[in-house]
N, C-alpha and C. Protein backbone atom coordinates (compact mmCIF):
# COMPACT_ATOMS: atom_id res chain seq x y z
N MET A 1 33.85 12.16 12.19
CA MET A 1 32.85 12.25 10.92
C MET A 1 32.73 11.26 11.89
N ALA A 2 32.90 10.37 11.52
CA ALA A 2 32.42 8.74 11.82
C ALA A 2 31.65 8.77 13.26
N ASP A 3 31.62 9.10 13.92
CA ASP A 3 30.49 9.76 15.36
C ASP A 3 29.56 10.25 14.76
N THR A 4 29.77 10.80 14.16
CA THR A 4 27.94 11.80 13.48
C THR A 4 27.19 10.87 12.40
N THR A 5 28.06 9.86 12.22
CA THR A 5 27.74 9.67 10.52
C THR A 5 26.46 8.74 10.86
N LEU A 6 25.29 8.50 10.02
CA LEU A 6 24.05 7.55 10.57
C LEU A 6 24.38 6.55 9.39
N LEU A 7 24.73 4.94 10.42
CA LEU A 7 24.35 4.11 9.35
C LEU A 7 22.67 3.55 9.35
N LEU A 8 22.53 3.45 8.53
CA LEU A 8 21.01 3.44 7.89
C LEU A 8 21.48 1.47 8.39
N THR A 9 20.18 1.17 9.14
CA THR A 9 19.29 -0.05 9.08
C THR A 9 17.93 -0.69 8.87
N LYS A 10 18.11 -1.73 8.34
CA LYS A 10 16.79 -2.25 8.25
C LYS A 10 15.28 -1.52 9.21
N GLU A 11 15.72 -1.73 10.76
CA GLU A 11 15.17 -1.12 11.70
C GLU A 11 15.09 0.22 12.00
N LEU A 12 15.32 1.26 10.78
CA LEU A 12 14.43 2.64 11.00
C LEU A 12 13.57 3.10 9.99
N PHE A 13 13.73 2.02 9.54
CA PHE A 13 12.31 2.15 8.48
C PHE A 13 11.46 2.09 9.78
N ASP A 14 9.98 2.76 9.19
CA ASP A 14 9.00 3.17 9.40
C ASP A 14 8.47 2.11 9.78
N ALA A 15 7.40 1.48 10.77
CA ALA A 15 7.16 0.08 11.15
C ALA A 15 5.60 1.00 11.17
N GLU A 16 5.32 1.83 11.97
CA GLU A 16 3.85 2.48 12.22
C GLU A 16 3.43 2.97 11.14
N GLU A 17 4.46 3.23 9.89
CA GLU A 17 3.81 3.81 8.46
C GLU A 17 3.32 2.70 7.57
N ALA A 18 4.28 1.17 7.98
CA ALA A 18 3.47 0.05 6.96
C ALA A 18 2.13 -0.25 7.95
N ASP A 19 2.18 -0.03 9.09
CA ASP A 19 1.14 -0.70 9.78
C ASP A 19 -0.14 -0.16 9.07
N ASP A 20 0.03 1.38 9.53
CA ASP A 20 -0.93 2.33 8.41
C ASP A 20 -1.70 1.74 7.54
N LEU A 21 -0.79 1.87 6.87
CA LEU A 21 -0.62 1.70 5.31
C LEU A 21 -1.98 -0.07 5.03
N ARG A 22 -1.40 -1.07 5.82
CA ARG A 22 -2.37 -1.79 6.28
C ARG A 22 -3.37 -1.82 6.73
N THR A 23 -3.57 -1.39 7.70
CA THR A 23 -4.89 -0.73 8.08
C THR A 23 -5.62 -0.27 7.22
N LEU A 24 -5.03 0.76 6.50
CA LEU A 24 -5.84 1.66 5.63
C LEU A 24 -6.29 0.59 4.44
N ALA A 25 -5.20 -0.03 3.78
CA ALA A 25 -5.63 -1.58 2.97
C ALA A 25 -7.00 -2.37 2.96
N ARG A 26 -6.68 -2.66 4.49
CA ARG A 26 -8.25 -3.78 5.40
C ARG A 26 -9.27 -2.98 5.57
N ARG A 27 -9.15 -1.58 5.56
CA ARG A 27 -10.31 -0.75 5.60
C ARG A 27 -11.20 -0.55 4.36
N LEU A 28 -10.41 -0.68 3.41
CA LEU A 28 -10.85 0.07 2.12
C LEU A 28 -11.43 -1.33 1.22
N ALA A 29 -10.68 -2.42 1.52
CA ALA A 29 -11.37 -3.88 1.27
C ALA A 29 -12.53 -4.30 1.86
N ASP A 30 -12.69 -4.21 3.27
CA ASP A 30 -14.38 -4.05 3.63
C ASP A 30 -15.19 -3.20 3.26
N ASP A 31 -14.89 -1.75 2.79
CA ASP A 31 -15.97 -1.16 2.52
C ASP A 31 -16.37 -1.68 1.06
N ALA A 32 -15.19 -2.42 0.44
CA ALA A 32 -15.87 -2.60 -1.04
C ALA A 32 -15.05 -3.85 -1.26
N PRO A 33 -16.28 -4.80 -0.75
CA PRO A 33 -16.08 -6.14 -0.83
C PRO A 33 -15.52 -6.54 -2.53
N GLU A 34 -15.67 -6.35 -3.25
CA GLU A 34 -15.02 -6.61 -4.79
C GLU A 34 -13.68 -6.55 -5.07
N ILE A 35 -12.88 -5.68 -4.54
CA ILE A 35 -12.03 -5.89 -4.13
C ILE A 35 -10.68 -6.51 -3.13
N ALA A 36 -11.67 -7.09 -2.12
CA ALA A 36 -10.84 -7.66 -1.38
C ALA A 36 -9.83 -8.98 -1.30
N SER A 37 -9.61 -9.80 -2.65
CA SER A 37 -8.81 -10.52 -3.13
C SER A 37 -7.55 -9.45 -3.53
N ALA A 38 -7.80 -8.56 -4.22
CA ALA A 38 -6.88 -7.93 -4.96
C ALA A 38 -6.24 -7.26 -4.01
N VAL A 39 -6.73 -6.75 -2.95
CA VAL A 39 -6.19 -6.08 -1.39
C VAL A 39 -5.38 -6.99 -0.93
N SER A 40 -5.70 -8.55 -0.74
CA SER A 40 -6.14 -9.36 -0.12
C SER A 40 -4.10 -9.31 -1.22
N HIS A 41 -4.23 -9.91 -2.26
CA HIS A 41 -2.68 -9.80 -2.76
C HIS A 41 -1.94 -9.23 -2.79
N LEU A 42 -2.27 -7.55 -2.63
CA LEU A 42 -1.66 -6.03 -2.53
C LEU A 42 -0.96 -6.12 -1.00
N LEU A 43 -1.60 -6.95 -0.26
CA LEU A 43 -0.72 -7.45 1.11
C LEU A 43 0.52 -8.53 1.17
N LYS A 44 0.11 -9.52 0.69
CA LYS A 44 0.80 -9.95 0.75
C LYS A 44 2.12 -10.14 -0.46
N THR A 45 2.34 -9.33 -1.34
CA THR A 45 3.53 -9.04 -1.86
C THR A 45 4.18 -7.73 -0.95
N PHE A 46 3.68 -7.34 -0.48
CA PHE A 46 3.51 -5.93 0.19
C PHE A 46 4.55 -6.48 1.74
N ASP A 47 4.47 -7.57 2.36
CA ASP A 47 5.18 -8.38 3.44
C ASP A 47 5.92 -8.55 3.17
N ALA A 48 6.05 -9.23 1.92
CA ALA A 48 6.91 -9.96 1.39
C ALA A 48 8.39 -9.06 0.96
N ALA A 49 7.82 -8.11 0.40
CA ALA A 49 9.02 -7.16 0.30
C ALA A 49 9.29 -6.58 1.52
N LEU A 50 8.90 -6.15 2.39
CA LEU A 50 9.38 -5.78 3.59
C LEU A 50 10.08 -6.61 4.19
N ALA A 51 9.66 -8.03 4.14
CA ALA A 51 10.64 -8.92 4.91
C ALA A 51 11.61 -9.43 4.41
N SER A 52 12.22 -8.92 2.94
CA SER A 52 13.46 -9.14 2.24
C SER A 52 13.86 -7.91 1.84
N SER A 53 13.79 -7.03 2.22
CA SER A 53 14.21 -5.10 2.01
C SER A 53 15.64 -5.77 2.99
N THR A 54 16.57 -4.71 2.37
CA THR A 54 17.90 -4.94 3.87
C THR A 54 18.68 -3.85 4.02
N HIS A 55 17.74 -3.12 3.52
CA HIS A 55 18.07 -1.72 3.40
C HIS A 55 16.54 -0.81 3.46
N PRO A 56 16.85 0.82 4.64
CA PRO A 56 15.49 1.33 4.47
C PRO A 56 14.97 1.42 3.43
N ALA A 57 15.84 1.64 2.25
CA ALA A 57 15.40 2.82 1.22
C ALA A 57 14.68 1.16 0.20
N GLU A 58 14.85 0.18 0.49
CA GLU A 58 14.10 -0.88 0.24
C GLU A 58 12.90 -0.68 0.50
N ALA A 59 12.77 -1.01 1.92
CA ALA A 59 11.44 -0.77 3.04
C ALA A 59 10.43 0.61 2.31
N GLU A 60 11.38 1.55 2.50
CA GLU A 60 9.93 2.58 1.59
C GLU A 60 9.83 2.45 0.48
N LEU A 61 10.86 1.71 -0.78
CA LEU A 61 10.62 1.75 -1.60
C LEU A 61 8.88 1.07 -2.30
N ALA A 62 9.30 -0.13 -0.98
CA ALA A 62 8.20 -0.96 -0.96
C ALA A 62 6.76 -0.80 -0.55
N ALA A 63 7.03 0.28 0.08
CA ALA A 63 5.75 1.24 1.36
C ALA A 63 4.81 2.29 0.14
N GLU A 64 6.26 2.53 -0.75
CA GLU A 64 5.32 3.42 -2.12
C GLU A 64 5.17 2.53 -2.68
N THR A 65 5.48 1.31 -3.04
CA THR A 65 4.45 0.53 -3.91
C THR A 65 3.10 0.46 -3.59
N PHE A 66 3.20 -0.07 -2.68
CA PHE A 66 2.45 -0.58 -2.33
C PHE A 66 0.70 0.31 -2.15
N ALA A 67 1.08 1.64 -1.57
CA ALA A 67 0.32 2.83 -1.26
C ALA A 67 0.15 3.43 -3.10
N ARG A 68 1.03 3.26 -4.01
CA ARG A 68 0.89 3.44 -5.77
C ARG A 68 -0.12 2.39 -6.27
N ARG A 69 -0.33 1.45 -6.15
CA ARG A 69 -1.16 0.10 -6.02
C ARG A 69 -2.11 -0.18 -5.45
N LEU A 70 -2.38 0.20 -4.37
CA LEU A 70 -3.76 -0.38 -3.54
C LEU A 70 -4.64 1.48 -4.30
N ARG A 71 -4.21 2.83 -4.40
CA ARG A 71 -4.77 3.78 -4.91
C ARG A 71 -4.75 3.35 -6.05
N ALA A 72 -4.45 2.83 -6.98
CA ALA A 72 -4.59 2.55 -8.36
C ALA A 72 -6.05 1.92 -8.60
N CYS A 73 -5.95 0.52 -7.12
CA CYS A 73 -7.32 -0.50 -7.16
C CYS A 73 -8.30 0.36 -7.18
N TRP A 74 -8.25 1.26 -5.99
CA TRP A 74 -9.30 2.13 -4.92
C TRP A 74 -9.95 3.39 -6.16
N LEU A 75 -8.95 3.70 -7.13
CA LEU A 75 -9.25 4.15 -8.17
C LEU A 75 -9.79 3.39 -9.28
N THR A 76 -9.58 2.79 -9.55
CA THR A 76 -10.36 1.86 -10.87
C THR A 76 -11.80 1.79 -10.17
N THR A 77 -11.98 0.57 -8.86
CA THR A 77 -13.22 0.83 -8.20
C THR A 77 -14.54 1.85 -8.43
N ALA A 78 -13.83 2.62 -7.29
CA ALA A 78 -14.63 3.97 -7.20
C ALA A 78 -15.30 4.44 -8.40
N GLY A 79 -14.47 4.54 -9.63
CA GLY A 79 -14.94 5.35 -10.65
C GLY A 79 -16.02 3.97 -11.81
N ALA A 80 -15.41 2.41 -11.25
CA ALA A 80 -16.00 1.70 -12.10
C ALA A 80 -17.76 1.81 -11.27
N GLU A 81 -18.06 2.34 -9.96
CA GLU A 81 -19.15 2.39 -9.47
C GLU A 81 -19.78 3.58 -9.89
N ALA A 82 -19.03 4.73 -9.82
CA ALA A 82 -19.39 5.78 -10.55
C ALA A 82 -19.77 5.39 -11.66
N ALA A 83 -18.88 5.31 -12.68
CA ALA A 83 -19.74 4.85 -13.84
C ALA A 83 -20.97 4.06 -14.03
N SER A 84 -21.05 2.91 -13.08
CA SER A 84 -22.28 2.07 -13.37
C SER A 84 -23.71 3.20 -12.57
N VAL A 85 -23.33 3.96 -11.73
CA VAL A 85 -24.87 4.71 -11.45
C VAL A 85 -25.10 5.82 -11.98
N TYR A 86 -24.59 7.08 -12.61
CA TYR A 86 -24.39 7.78 -13.36
C TYR A 86 -24.34 8.00 -15.24
N ARG A 87 -24.92 7.45 -15.98
CA ARG A 87 -25.67 7.30 -16.93
C ARG A 87 -25.90 8.38 -17.74
N SER A 88 -25.17 8.78 -18.63
CA SER A 88 -26.15 9.92 -19.73
C SER A 88 -27.56 9.28 -20.25
N PRO A 89 -28.78 9.82 -19.93
CA PRO A 89 -29.95 9.57 -20.65
C PRO A 89 -29.79 9.37 -22.13
N THR A 90 -29.13 9.73 -23.35
CA THR A 90 -29.04 9.78 -24.36
C THR A 90 -28.50 8.33 -25.08
């Protein structure tokens, strides 16, 4: 049994996924400069969480949290932009 058991290590977290999330965040910030500081803060928080993670599950949780917060930031900004353009004439 021991030879088939996978011992999870920090290195098993998919670093490519983290890089993809960082790239997405940077592109969103480039497209919407008004959220650049918020995205920068999210990236710093994400990197700190990844650096302090001791288990792949912690790194995965950090990635999921980062993705949710980035999505919320983008949706808030996109909604505000749409609201500023689409006004009822009444």
